[in-house]
Amino acid sequence: RNSVIVAVSVTAISLAVGAMGAYALGRFRFQGRNTVLYAVLAMTMFPQIAVLGGLFEIITRLRLYNTLVALILTYLIFTLPFTVWVLTNFFRAMPQDLEEAAYVDGASPWQTFYKVLLPLSVPGLVTTGLLAFIAAWNDFLFALSFTQTPDRRTVTVALWAFQPRTTGGFEIPWDQIMAATVIVTVPLILLALIFQRRILAGLTAGAVKG
């Protein structure tokens, strides 16, 4: 349950905020746009272990330790820049005529984004959303560092803590661990199968010109 709450929340926030940010960066020209893009790209380059200590200090001071909010905010640091970067290129590749036609019909920039460009960007949204979901679902380092009690553990930490609760540490129940691992991966496999066409369209968007 905790993994579902965290992964769904991270995916929804990443797509909502990332799509609006990517639309602004991809379709509007303003001073400092390239600087913002490079900053977004730089944020995706930091390994998790490099920011673990600083994040732990911040979360402790904000009294968010051992809460799901701490995990959601932490994962957004990595998924949101990636979402913005990918969707920016996706929006930038769309024809300018789409916006011009919408403006001629009296649509505002928000209406153009919500009713015209956003439906066309569904393949990109599905691809980035699934990657954000997988990143939040599979994380172990932050989930282990920022949660303590069993009622706040995610599935990855629960698998890690599976051995002492089952056998008291005298033997490793590999059969039960592998069965639990398969169950944990089932949601990811189902999502990939359900959205495989959208994912393929999102990954190949812009690959062919003309």
N, C-alpha and C. Protein backbone atom coordinates (compact mmCIF):
# COMPACT_ATOMS: atom_id res chain seq x y z
N ARG A 1 0.82 -1.22 0.00
CA ARG A 1 0.00 0.00 0.00
C ARG A 1 0.86 1.27 0.00
N ASN A 2 1.91 1.28 0.81
CA ASN A 2 2.78 2.46 0.86
C ASN A 2 3.45 2.71 -0.48
N SER A 3 3.89 1.64 -1.13
CA SER A 3 4.55 1.79 -2.44
C SER A 3 3.57 2.34 -3.47
N VAL A 4 2.34 1.89 -3.44
CA VAL A 4 1.34 2.39 -4.38
C VAL A 4 1.08 3.87 -4.15
N ILE A 5 0.91 4.26 -2.90
CA ILE A 5 0.65 5.67 -2.58
C ILE A 5 1.81 6.55 -3.04
N VAL A 6 3.02 6.13 -2.73
CA VAL A 6 4.19 6.93 -3.07
C VAL A 6 4.39 6.99 -4.58
N ALA A 7 4.34 5.84 -5.25
CA ALA A 7 4.59 5.80 -6.69
C ALA A 7 3.53 6.56 -7.48
N VAL A 8 2.27 6.40 -7.12
CA VAL A 8 1.19 7.10 -7.82
C VAL A 8 1.29 8.60 -7.58
N SER A 9 1.59 9.01 -6.35
CA SER A 9 1.72 10.44 -6.05
C SER A 9 2.88 11.06 -6.80
N VAL A 10 4.01 10.39 -6.81
CA VAL A 10 5.18 10.89 -7.53
C VAL A 10 4.90 11.01 -9.02
N THR A 11 4.25 10.00 -9.59
CA THR A 11 3.94 10.03 -11.02
C THR A 11 2.98 11.15 -11.35
N ALA A 12 1.92 11.31 -10.57
CA ALA A 12 0.92 12.34 -10.84
C ALA A 12 1.53 13.74 -10.73
N ILE A 13 2.29 13.99 -9.68
CA ILE A 13 2.89 15.32 -9.50
C ILE A 13 3.93 15.59 -10.58
N SER A 14 4.73 14.59 -10.90
CA SER A 14 5.75 14.76 -11.94
C SER A 14 5.12 15.12 -13.28
N LEU A 15 4.04 14.43 -13.64
CA LEU A 15 3.39 14.70 -14.92
C LEU A 15 2.68 16.05 -14.91
N ALA A 16 1.99 16.38 -13.82
CA ALA A 16 1.25 17.64 -13.77
C ALA A 16 2.19 18.85 -13.82
N VAL A 17 3.17 18.86 -12.94
CA VAL A 17 4.10 19.98 -12.90
C VAL A 17 5.07 19.94 -14.08
N GLY A 18 5.55 18.74 -14.41
CA GLY A 18 6.50 18.62 -15.50
C GLY A 18 5.92 18.99 -16.85
N ALA A 19 4.67 18.65 -17.10
CA ALA A 19 4.05 18.99 -18.38
C ALA A 19 3.91 20.50 -18.54
N MET A 20 3.50 21.19 -17.48
CA MET A 20 3.37 22.65 -17.57
C MET A 20 4.73 23.32 -17.72
N GLY A 21 5.72 22.84 -16.98
CA GLY A 21 7.06 23.40 -17.12
C GLY A 21 7.65 23.12 -18.49
N ALA A 22 7.44 21.92 -19.00
CA ALA A 22 7.96 21.57 -20.32
C ALA A 22 7.27 22.38 -21.42
N TYR A 23 5.98 22.65 -21.25
CA TYR A 23 5.26 23.46 -22.23
C TYR A 23 5.84 24.87 -22.29
N ALA A 24 6.12 25.44 -21.13
CA ALA A 24 6.69 26.79 -21.10
C ALA A 24 8.09 26.81 -21.70
N LEU A 25 8.90 25.81 -21.38
CA LEU A 25 10.27 25.78 -21.88
C LEU A 25 10.33 25.40 -23.36
N GLY A 26 9.38 24.61 -23.81
CA GLY A 26 9.43 24.13 -25.18
C GLY A 26 8.74 25.02 -26.20
N ARG A 27 7.76 25.81 -25.76
CA ARG A 27 6.96 26.57 -26.71
C ARG A 27 7.12 28.08 -26.61
N PHE A 28 7.71 28.57 -25.53
CA PHE A 28 7.87 30.02 -25.35
C PHE A 28 9.35 30.37 -25.33
N ARG A 29 9.65 31.53 -25.89
CA ARG A 29 11.02 32.04 -25.88
C ARG A 29 11.13 33.15 -24.84
N PHE A 30 12.03 33.00 -23.91
CA PHE A 30 12.25 34.02 -22.89
C PHE A 30 13.70 33.97 -22.46
N GLN A 31 14.15 35.05 -21.86
CA GLN A 31 15.54 35.14 -21.45
C GLN A 31 15.85 34.14 -20.34
N GLY A 32 16.93 33.43 -20.51
CA GLY A 32 17.33 32.45 -19.51
C GLY A 32 16.74 31.06 -19.71
N ARG A 33 16.07 30.84 -20.83
CA ARG A 33 15.44 29.54 -21.05
C ARG A 33 16.49 28.42 -21.13
N ASN A 34 17.56 28.67 -21.88
CA ASN A 34 18.59 27.64 -21.99
C ASN A 34 19.27 27.37 -20.65
N THR A 35 19.42 28.42 -19.86
CA THR A 35 20.01 28.24 -18.53
C THR A 35 19.15 27.32 -17.67
N VAL A 36 17.84 27.53 -17.74
CA VAL A 36 16.92 26.68 -16.98
C VAL A 36 17.00 25.24 -17.47
N LEU A 37 17.07 25.06 -18.79
CA LEU A 37 17.16 23.71 -19.34
C LEU A 37 18.44 23.01 -18.90
N TYR A 38 19.55 23.73 -18.92
CA TYR A 38 20.81 23.13 -18.48
C TYR A 38 20.78 22.81 -16.99
N ALA A 39 20.13 23.67 -16.22
CA ALA A 39 20.00 23.39 -14.78
C ALA A 39 19.16 22.15 -14.54
N VAL A 40 18.08 22.01 -15.32
CA VAL A 40 17.23 20.82 -15.21
C VAL A 40 18.03 19.57 -15.57
N LEU A 41 18.81 19.66 -16.64
CA LEU A 41 19.63 18.52 -17.05
C LEU A 41 20.67 18.18 -15.99
N ALA A 42 21.27 19.20 -15.39
CA ALA A 42 22.29 18.96 -14.37
C ALA A 42 21.70 18.26 -13.15
N MET A 43 20.45 18.55 -12.82
CA MET A 43 19.82 17.93 -11.65
C MET A 43 19.65 16.43 -11.82
N THR A 44 19.59 15.97 -13.06
CA THR A 44 19.42 14.53 -13.30
C THR A 44 20.73 13.76 -13.23
N MET A 45 21.85 14.47 -13.11
CA MET A 45 23.16 13.82 -13.15
C MET A 45 23.68 13.42 -11.78
N PHE A 46 23.07 13.91 -10.71
CA PHE A 46 23.58 13.61 -9.37
C PHE A 46 23.15 12.20 -8.95
N PRO A 47 24.08 11.37 -8.51
CA PRO A 47 23.69 10.05 -7.99
C PRO A 47 22.98 10.18 -6.65
N GLN A 48 22.18 9.19 -6.33
CA GLN A 48 21.41 9.25 -5.09
C GLN A 48 22.29 9.35 -3.86
N ILE A 49 23.36 8.60 -3.84
CA ILE A 49 24.21 8.56 -2.66
C ILE A 49 24.86 9.92 -2.40
N ALA A 50 25.03 10.74 -3.45
CA ALA A 50 25.69 12.03 -3.29
C ALA A 50 24.82 13.03 -2.54
N VAL A 51 23.52 12.88 -2.61
CA VAL A 51 22.61 13.83 -1.96
C VAL A 51 21.92 13.24 -0.74
N LEU A 52 22.25 12.00 -0.41
CA LEU A 52 21.56 11.33 0.69
C LEU A 52 21.75 12.06 2.02
N GLY A 53 22.99 12.44 2.33
CA GLY A 53 23.27 13.09 3.61
C GLY A 53 22.54 14.41 3.76
N GLY A 54 22.60 15.24 2.71
CA GLY A 54 21.92 16.53 2.77
C GLY A 54 20.41 16.39 2.88
N LEU A 55 19.85 15.47 2.12
CA LEU A 55 18.41 15.25 2.19
C LEU A 55 17.98 14.73 3.56
N PHE A 56 18.80 13.87 4.14
CA PHE A 56 18.46 13.35 5.46
C PHE A 56 18.42 14.47 6.49
N GLU A 57 19.38 15.40 6.39
CA GLU A 57 19.40 16.53 7.32
C GLU A 57 18.17 17.42 7.15
N ILE A 58 17.81 17.69 5.89
CA ILE A 58 16.64 18.53 5.62
C ILE A 58 15.36 17.87 6.10
N ILE A 59 15.20 16.60 5.80
CA ILE A 59 13.98 15.89 6.19
C ILE A 59 13.86 15.80 7.71
N THR A 60 14.99 15.61 8.37
CA THR A 60 14.95 15.55 9.84
C THR A 60 14.54 16.89 10.43
N ARG A 61 15.08 17.98 9.89
CA ARG A 61 14.74 19.31 10.42
C ARG A 61 13.29 19.68 10.13
N LEU A 62 12.76 19.20 9.02
CA LEU A 62 11.36 19.47 8.69
C LEU A 62 10.41 18.51 9.39
N ARG A 63 10.95 17.59 10.17
CA ARG A 63 10.17 16.61 10.92
C ARG A 63 9.32 15.73 9.99
N LEU A 64 9.92 15.36 8.88
CA LEU A 64 9.26 14.49 7.92
C LEU A 64 9.82 13.07 7.94
N TYR A 65 10.74 12.82 8.85
CA TYR A 65 11.34 11.49 8.91
C TYR A 65 10.28 10.45 9.26
N ASN A 66 10.37 9.31 8.60
CA ASN A 66 9.43 8.20 8.79
C ASN A 66 8.02 8.56 8.32
N THR A 67 7.94 9.35 7.25
CA THR A 67 6.65 9.66 6.64
C THR A 67 6.74 9.40 5.14
N LEU A 68 5.59 9.15 4.54
CA LEU A 68 5.55 8.94 3.09
C LEU A 68 5.80 10.23 2.34
N VAL A 69 5.50 11.37 2.97
CA VAL A 69 5.75 12.66 2.34
C VAL A 69 7.24 12.84 2.07
N ALA A 70 8.07 12.38 2.98
CA ALA A 70 9.52 12.48 2.78
C ALA A 70 9.95 11.71 1.54
N LEU A 71 9.40 10.54 1.33
CA LEU A 71 9.75 9.75 0.15
C LEU A 71 9.25 10.42 -1.12
N ILE A 72 8.02 10.94 -1.09
CA ILE A 72 7.46 11.58 -2.28
C ILE A 72 8.30 12.78 -2.69
N LEU A 73 8.63 13.65 -1.73
CA LEU A 73 9.43 14.84 -2.04
C LEU A 73 10.82 14.45 -2.53
N THR A 74 11.39 13.41 -1.95
CA THR A 74 12.72 12.98 -2.36
C THR A 74 12.72 12.44 -3.78
N TYR A 75 11.76 11.62 -4.11
CA TYR A 75 11.70 11.06 -5.45
C TYR A 75 11.44 12.13 -6.51
N LEU A 76 10.66 13.15 -6.14
CA LEU A 76 10.37 14.23 -7.09
C LEU A 76 11.64 14.98 -7.49
N ILE A 77 12.63 15.00 -6.62
CA ILE A 77 13.88 15.68 -6.96
C ILE A 77 14.52 15.04 -8.19
N PHE A 78 14.29 13.76 -8.38
CA PHE A 78 14.90 13.04 -9.51
C PHE A 78 13.93 12.86 -10.68
N THR A 79 12.67 12.58 -10.39
CA THR A 79 11.73 12.31 -11.48
C THR A 79 11.24 13.59 -12.17
N LEU A 80 11.10 14.68 -11.43
CA LEU A 80 10.57 15.90 -12.03
C LEU A 80 11.52 16.51 -13.06
N PRO A 81 12.82 16.66 -12.79
CA PRO A 81 13.71 17.17 -13.84
C PRO A 81 13.75 16.28 -15.08
N PHE A 82 13.74 14.97 -14.88
CA PHE A 82 13.73 14.06 -16.03
C PHE A 82 12.46 14.25 -16.86
N THR A 83 11.32 14.37 -16.18
CA THR A 83 10.05 14.56 -16.88
C THR A 83 10.05 15.87 -17.66
N VAL A 84 10.54 16.94 -17.05
CA VAL A 84 10.59 18.23 -17.73
C VAL A 84 11.49 18.16 -18.95
N TRP A 85 12.64 17.54 -18.81
CA TRP A 85 13.59 17.47 -19.92
C TRP A 85 13.02 16.69 -21.11
N VAL A 86 12.45 15.55 -20.85
CA VAL A 86 11.91 14.72 -21.93
C VAL A 86 10.71 15.40 -22.59
N LEU A 87 9.78 15.91 -21.80
CA LEU A 87 8.58 16.52 -22.37
C LEU A 87 8.88 17.84 -23.06
N THR A 88 9.94 18.54 -22.65
CA THR A 88 10.32 19.77 -23.34
C THR A 88 10.65 19.48 -24.80
N ASN A 89 11.45 18.47 -25.03
CA ASN A 89 11.78 18.08 -26.40
C ASN A 89 10.54 17.59 -27.15
N PHE A 90 9.62 16.96 -26.43
CA PHE A 90 8.40 16.47 -27.05
C PHE A 90 7.53 17.64 -27.51
N PHE A 91 7.34 18.63 -26.65
CA PHE A 91 6.54 19.79 -27.02
C PHE A 91 7.22 20.63 -28.10
N ARG A 92 8.53 20.70 -28.05
CA ARG A 92 9.27 21.50 -29.02
C ARG A 92 9.13 20.92 -30.43
N ALA A 93 8.95 19.61 -30.53
CA ALA A 93 8.85 18.97 -31.85
C ALA A 93 7.48 19.13 -32.49
N MET A 94 6.50 19.62 -31.75
CA MET A 94 5.15 19.78 -32.31
C MET A 94 5.10 20.98 -33.25
N PRO A 95 4.32 20.89 -34.33
CA PRO A 95 4.23 22.00 -35.29
C PRO A 95 3.68 23.27 -34.65
N GLN A 96 4.26 24.40 -35.03
CA GLN A 96 3.80 25.69 -34.52
C GLN A 96 2.41 26.03 -35.05
N ASP A 97 2.03 25.43 -36.17
CA ASP A 97 0.71 25.72 -36.75
C ASP A 97 -0.43 25.32 -35.82
N LEU A 98 -0.21 24.34 -34.97
CA LEU A 98 -1.26 23.92 -34.04
C LEU A 98 -1.64 25.06 -33.10
N GLU A 99 -0.64 25.72 -32.55
CA GLU A 99 -0.91 26.83 -31.64
C GLU A 99 -1.51 28.02 -32.38
N GLU A 100 -0.99 28.30 -33.55
CA GLU A 100 -1.50 29.44 -34.31
C GLU A 100 -2.96 29.24 -34.67
N ALA A 101 -3.34 28.03 -35.05
CA ALA A 101 -4.74 27.76 -35.37
C ALA A 101 -5.62 27.91 -34.13
N ALA A 102 -5.11 27.47 -32.98
CA ALA A 102 -5.88 27.61 -31.75
C ALA A 102 -6.04 29.07 -31.36
N TYR A 103 -4.99 29.87 -31.53
CA TYR A 103 -5.08 31.29 -31.21
C TYR A 103 -6.06 32.01 -32.12
N VAL A 104 -6.07 31.60 -33.40
CA VAL A 104 -7.02 32.21 -34.34
C VAL A 104 -8.46 31.92 -33.92
N ASP A 105 -8.69 30.75 -33.36
CA ASP A 105 -10.03 30.39 -32.89
C ASP A 105 -10.38 31.01 -31.54
N GLY A 106 -9.46 31.80 -31.00
CA GLY A 106 -9.75 32.50 -29.75
C GLY A 106 -9.31 31.79 -28.50
N ALA A 107 -8.49 30.76 -28.62
CA ALA A 107 -8.05 30.02 -27.44
C ALA A 107 -6.93 30.76 -26.73
N SER A 108 -6.92 30.66 -25.43
CA SER A 108 -5.85 31.25 -24.62
C SER A 108 -4.67 30.28 -24.59
N PRO A 109 -3.50 30.74 -24.13
CA PRO A 109 -2.36 29.80 -24.02
C PRO A 109 -2.67 28.58 -23.16
N TRP A 110 -3.43 28.77 -22.07
CA TRP A 110 -3.79 27.63 -21.22
C TRP A 110 -4.72 26.68 -21.96
N GLN A 111 -5.70 27.21 -22.68
CA GLN A 111 -6.61 26.36 -23.44
C GLN A 111 -5.87 25.63 -24.55
N THR A 112 -4.92 26.31 -25.18
CA THR A 112 -4.12 25.67 -26.22
C THR A 112 -3.33 24.50 -25.66
N PHE A 113 -2.75 24.71 -24.49
CA PHE A 113 -1.99 23.64 -23.85
C PHE A 113 -2.88 22.48 -23.44
N TYR A 114 -4.01 22.80 -22.79
CA TYR A 114 -4.85 21.76 -22.20
C TYR A 114 -5.66 21.00 -23.24
N LYS A 115 -6.17 21.70 -24.27
CA LYS A 115 -7.09 21.08 -25.21
C LYS A 115 -6.43 20.65 -26.53
N VAL A 116 -5.27 21.21 -26.85
CA VAL A 116 -4.65 20.91 -28.14
C VAL A 116 -3.36 20.11 -27.97
N LEU A 117 -2.40 20.68 -27.26
CA LEU A 117 -1.08 20.05 -27.19
C LEU A 117 -1.03 18.88 -26.21
N LEU A 118 -1.72 19.01 -25.09
CA LEU A 118 -1.65 17.94 -24.09
C LEU A 118 -2.19 16.61 -24.60
N PRO A 119 -3.35 16.58 -25.30
CA PRO A 119 -3.81 15.29 -25.84
C PRO A 119 -2.84 14.68 -26.85
N LEU A 120 -2.13 15.54 -27.60
CA LEU A 120 -1.18 15.02 -28.57
C LEU A 120 0.10 14.49 -27.93
N SER A 121 0.33 14.89 -26.69
CA SER A 121 1.56 14.47 -26.00
C SER A 121 1.35 13.25 -25.12
N VAL A 122 0.22 12.56 -25.28
CA VAL A 122 -0.07 11.39 -24.44
C VAL A 122 1.03 10.33 -24.51
N PRO A 123 1.58 10.00 -25.69
CA PRO A 123 2.68 9.02 -25.70
C PRO A 123 3.86 9.42 -24.84
N GLY A 124 4.24 10.70 -24.90
CA GLY A 124 5.33 11.17 -24.06
C GLY A 124 4.98 11.15 -22.59
N LEU A 125 3.74 11.50 -22.27
CA LEU A 125 3.30 11.47 -20.87
C LEU A 125 3.30 10.05 -20.32
N VAL A 126 2.83 9.11 -21.12
CA VAL A 126 2.80 7.72 -20.68
C VAL A 126 4.21 7.18 -20.45
N THR A 127 5.12 7.50 -21.37
CA THR A 127 6.49 7.01 -21.25
C THR A 127 7.17 7.57 -20.01
N THR A 128 7.14 8.89 -19.85
CA THR A 128 7.79 9.50 -18.69
C THR A 128 7.08 9.13 -17.39
N GLY A 129 5.75 9.02 -17.45
CA GLY A 129 5.01 8.64 -16.25
C GLY A 129 5.36 7.24 -15.79
N LEU A 130 5.49 6.32 -16.73
CA LEU A 130 5.84 4.94 -16.36
C LEU A 130 7.25 4.86 -15.80
N LEU A 131 8.17 5.62 -16.39
CA LEU A 131 9.54 5.63 -15.88
C LEU A 131 9.60 6.23 -14.48
N ALA A 132 8.81 7.27 -14.24
CA ALA A 132 8.75 7.86 -12.90
C ALA A 132 8.16 6.87 -11.90
N PHE A 133 7.12 6.16 -12.32
CA PHE A 133 6.49 5.17 -11.45
C PHE A 133 7.48 4.06 -11.10
N ILE A 134 8.21 3.58 -12.10
CA ILE A 134 9.18 2.50 -11.86
C ILE A 134 10.28 2.98 -10.91
N ALA A 135 10.75 4.22 -11.11
CA ALA A 135 11.81 4.74 -10.25
C ALA A 135 11.36 4.82 -8.79
N ALA A 136 10.13 5.29 -8.58
CA ALA A 136 9.61 5.39 -7.21
C ALA A 136 9.31 4.02 -6.63
N TRP A 137 8.83 3.11 -7.45
CA TRP A 137 8.45 1.78 -6.97
C TRP A 137 9.68 0.95 -6.58
N ASN A 138 10.75 1.08 -7.36
CA ASN A 138 11.92 0.22 -7.16
C ASN A 138 12.96 0.79 -6.21
N ASP A 139 12.80 2.03 -5.77
CA ASP A 139 13.85 2.64 -4.94
C ASP A 139 14.01 1.89 -3.62
N PHE A 140 15.25 1.75 -3.22
CA PHE A 140 15.56 1.09 -1.95
C PHE A 140 16.34 2.00 -1.00
N LEU A 141 17.28 2.78 -1.55
CA LEU A 141 18.18 3.56 -0.71
C LEU A 141 17.42 4.59 0.13
N PHE A 142 16.61 5.42 -0.51
CA PHE A 142 15.88 6.45 0.23
C PHE A 142 14.80 5.85 1.12
N ALA A 143 14.14 4.81 0.62
CA ALA A 143 13.09 4.18 1.42
C ALA A 143 13.67 3.57 2.70
N LEU A 144 14.86 3.03 2.61
CA LEU A 144 15.51 2.47 3.79
C LEU A 144 16.01 3.56 4.73
N SER A 145 16.48 4.67 4.16
CA SER A 145 17.08 5.73 4.97
C SER A 145 16.06 6.62 5.65
N PHE A 146 14.90 6.82 5.02
CA PHE A 146 13.94 7.80 5.52
C PHE A 146 12.72 7.20 6.20
N THR A 147 12.66 5.88 6.31
CA THR A 147 11.56 5.24 7.04
C THR A 147 12.13 4.33 8.11
N GLN A 148 11.36 4.12 9.15
CA GLN A 148 11.84 3.32 10.27
C GLN A 148 10.87 2.23 10.70
N THR A 149 9.61 2.59 10.87
CA THR A 149 8.63 1.63 11.38
C THR A 149 8.08 0.77 10.24
N PRO A 150 7.64 -0.45 10.54
CA PRO A 150 7.11 -1.34 9.49
C PRO A 150 5.91 -0.78 8.74
N ASP A 151 5.09 0.05 9.40
CA ASP A 151 3.91 0.57 8.72
C ASP A 151 4.24 1.65 7.71
N ARG A 152 5.49 2.07 7.61
CA ARG A 152 5.91 3.07 6.63
C ARG A 152 6.84 2.49 5.57
N ARG A 153 7.11 1.22 5.63
CA ARG A 153 8.03 0.60 4.68
C ARG A 153 7.39 0.41 3.32
N THR A 154 8.20 0.52 2.29
CA THR A 154 7.76 0.20 0.93
C THR A 154 8.10 -1.26 0.64
N VAL A 155 7.72 -1.72 -0.54
CA VAL A 155 7.90 -3.14 -0.84
C VAL A 155 9.37 -3.55 -0.89
N THR A 156 10.24 -2.66 -1.37
CA THR A 156 11.65 -3.01 -1.46
C THR A 156 12.27 -3.18 -0.07
N VAL A 157 11.92 -2.30 0.84
CA VAL A 157 12.43 -2.42 2.21
C VAL A 157 11.79 -3.62 2.91
N ALA A 158 10.53 -3.87 2.62
CA ALA A 158 9.87 -5.04 3.21
C ALA A 158 10.54 -6.34 2.76
N LEU A 159 10.96 -6.40 1.50
CA LEU A 159 11.70 -7.58 1.03
C LEU A 159 13.04 -7.71 1.74
N TRP A 160 13.70 -6.58 1.94
CA TRP A 160 14.99 -6.60 2.64
C TRP A 160 14.83 -7.09 4.08
N ALA A 161 13.72 -6.72 4.72
CA ALA A 161 13.48 -7.11 6.11
C ALA A 161 12.75 -8.45 6.22
N PHE A 162 12.58 -9.13 5.10
CA PHE A 162 11.79 -10.36 5.08
C PHE A 162 12.49 -11.49 5.81
N GLN A 163 13.81 -11.59 5.69
CA GLN A 163 14.56 -12.72 6.24
C GLN A 163 14.47 -12.83 7.76
N PRO A 164 14.81 -11.80 8.53
CA PRO A 164 14.78 -11.98 9.99
C PRO A 164 13.40 -12.24 10.55
N ARG A 165 12.36 -11.70 9.93
CA ARG A 165 11.02 -11.94 10.43
C ARG A 165 10.57 -13.37 10.14
N THR A 166 11.13 -13.99 9.11
CA THR A 166 10.66 -15.30 8.69
C THR A 166 11.41 -16.44 9.37
N THR A 167 12.72 -16.32 9.47
CA THR A 167 13.51 -17.45 9.95
C THR A 167 14.34 -17.13 11.18
N GLY A 168 14.28 -15.90 11.64
CA GLY A 168 15.09 -15.54 12.79
C GLY A 168 16.57 -15.42 12.46
N GLY A 169 16.92 -15.40 11.17
CA GLY A 169 18.30 -15.22 10.76
C GLY A 169 19.10 -16.50 10.67
N PHE A 170 18.52 -17.67 10.92
CA PHE A 170 19.27 -18.92 10.88
C PHE A 170 19.42 -19.47 9.46
N GLU A 171 18.49 -19.15 8.58
CA GLU A 171 18.58 -19.57 7.19
C GLU A 171 17.85 -18.55 6.33
N ILE A 172 18.19 -18.56 5.06
CA ILE A 172 17.59 -17.61 4.13
C ILE A 172 16.48 -18.30 3.35
N PRO A 173 15.24 -17.85 3.47
CA PRO A 173 14.12 -18.49 2.76
C PRO A 173 14.05 -18.01 1.31
N TRP A 174 14.95 -18.51 0.47
CA TRP A 174 15.02 -18.02 -0.90
C TRP A 174 13.72 -18.25 -1.66
N ASP A 175 13.04 -19.34 -1.41
CA ASP A 175 11.82 -19.61 -2.15
C ASP A 175 10.75 -18.56 -1.85
N GLN A 176 10.61 -18.18 -0.59
CA GLN A 176 9.62 -17.17 -0.23
C GLN A 176 10.03 -15.78 -0.72
N ILE A 177 11.33 -15.50 -0.65
CA ILE A 177 11.81 -14.20 -1.12
C ILE A 177 11.59 -14.05 -2.62
N MET A 178 11.89 -15.09 -3.39
CA MET A 178 11.70 -15.03 -4.84
C MET A 178 10.22 -14.92 -5.19
N ALA A 179 9.37 -15.63 -4.45
CA ALA A 179 7.93 -15.52 -4.69
C ALA A 179 7.45 -14.09 -4.43
N ALA A 180 7.92 -13.50 -3.34
CA ALA A 180 7.54 -12.12 -3.04
C ALA A 180 8.08 -11.15 -4.08
N THR A 181 9.28 -11.41 -4.59
CA THR A 181 9.86 -10.55 -5.62
C THR A 181 9.04 -10.59 -6.90
N VAL A 182 8.58 -11.76 -7.28
CA VAL A 182 7.73 -11.88 -8.48
C VAL A 182 6.44 -11.11 -8.30
N ILE A 183 5.84 -11.21 -7.12
CA ILE A 183 4.60 -10.48 -6.85
C ILE A 183 4.82 -8.98 -6.94
N VAL A 184 5.97 -8.51 -6.45
CA VAL A 184 6.27 -7.08 -6.47
C VAL A 184 6.42 -6.56 -7.90
N THR A 185 6.97 -7.39 -8.80
CA THR A 185 7.19 -6.94 -10.17
C THR A 185 5.96 -7.06 -11.05
N VAL A 186 4.94 -7.74 -10.60
CA VAL A 186 3.73 -7.92 -11.41
C VAL A 186 3.09 -6.59 -11.81
N PRO A 187 2.91 -5.62 -10.90
CA PRO A 187 2.31 -4.34 -11.32
C PRO A 187 3.08 -3.65 -12.43
N LEU A 188 4.40 -3.70 -12.37
CA LEU A 188 5.21 -3.06 -13.41
C LEU A 188 5.04 -3.75 -14.75
N ILE A 189 4.99 -5.07 -14.74
CA ILE A 189 4.80 -5.82 -15.98
C ILE A 189 3.43 -5.51 -16.58
N LEU A 190 2.41 -5.46 -15.75
CA LEU A 190 1.06 -5.16 -16.24
C LEU A 190 0.99 -3.77 -16.85
N LEU A 191 1.61 -2.79 -16.20
CA LEU A 191 1.61 -1.43 -16.74
C LEU A 191 2.33 -1.38 -18.09
N ALA A 192 3.46 -2.07 -18.19
CA ALA A 192 4.19 -2.08 -19.45
C ALA A 192 3.39 -2.74 -20.56
N LEU A 193 2.66 -3.80 -20.25
CA LEU A 193 1.85 -4.48 -21.26
C LEU A 193 0.65 -3.63 -21.67
N ILE A 194 0.04 -2.96 -20.71
CA ILE A 194 -1.14 -2.16 -21.02
C ILE A 194 -0.79 -0.96 -21.90
N PHE A 195 0.34 -0.32 -21.59
CA PHE A 195 0.69 0.92 -22.29
C PHE A 195 1.83 0.73 -23.28
N GLN A 196 2.05 -0.50 -23.76
CA GLN A 196 3.21 -0.74 -24.61
C GLN A 196 3.16 0.05 -25.91
N ARG A 197 1.98 0.21 -26.49
CA ARG A 197 1.89 0.98 -27.74
C ARG A 197 2.19 2.45 -27.50
N ARG A 198 1.67 2.99 -26.41
CA ARG A 198 1.94 4.39 -26.07
C ARG A 198 3.42 4.60 -25.78
N ILE A 199 4.02 3.62 -25.10
CA ILE A 199 5.44 3.73 -24.77
C ILE A 199 6.28 3.72 -26.03
N LEU A 200 5.97 2.83 -26.96
CA LEU A 200 6.71 2.76 -28.22
C LEU A 200 6.56 4.05 -29.00
N ALA A 201 5.35 4.60 -29.03
CA ALA A 201 5.13 5.86 -29.74
C ALA A 201 5.91 6.99 -29.10
N GLY A 202 5.98 7.00 -27.77
CA GLY A 202 6.71 8.05 -27.08
C GLY A 202 8.21 7.93 -27.27
N LEU A 203 8.74 6.71 -27.31
CA LEU A 203 10.17 6.53 -27.47
C LEU A 203 10.64 6.83 -28.88
N THR A 204 9.78 6.61 -29.87
CA THR A 204 10.17 6.82 -31.26
C THR A 204 9.72 8.17 -31.80
N ALA A 205 9.08 9.00 -30.97
CA ALA A 205 8.61 10.30 -31.45
C ALA A 205 9.81 11.16 -31.84
N GLY A 206 9.74 11.71 -33.04
CA GLY A 206 10.81 12.56 -33.53
C GLY A 206 11.97 11.82 -34.14
N ALA A 207 11.90 10.50 -34.20
CA ALA A 207 13.01 9.73 -34.75
C ALA A 207 13.07 9.84 -36.27
N VAL A 208 11.93 10.06 -36.91
CA VAL A 208 11.86 10.17 -38.36
C VAL A 208 11.37 11.55 -38.73
N LYS A 209 12.06 12.22 -39.62
CA LYS A 209 11.67 13.55 -40.07
C LYS A 209 11.20 13.48 -41.51
N GLY A 210 10.35 14.48 -41.85
CA GLY A 210 9.89 14.55 -43.22
C GLY A 210 8.59 13.85 -43.46
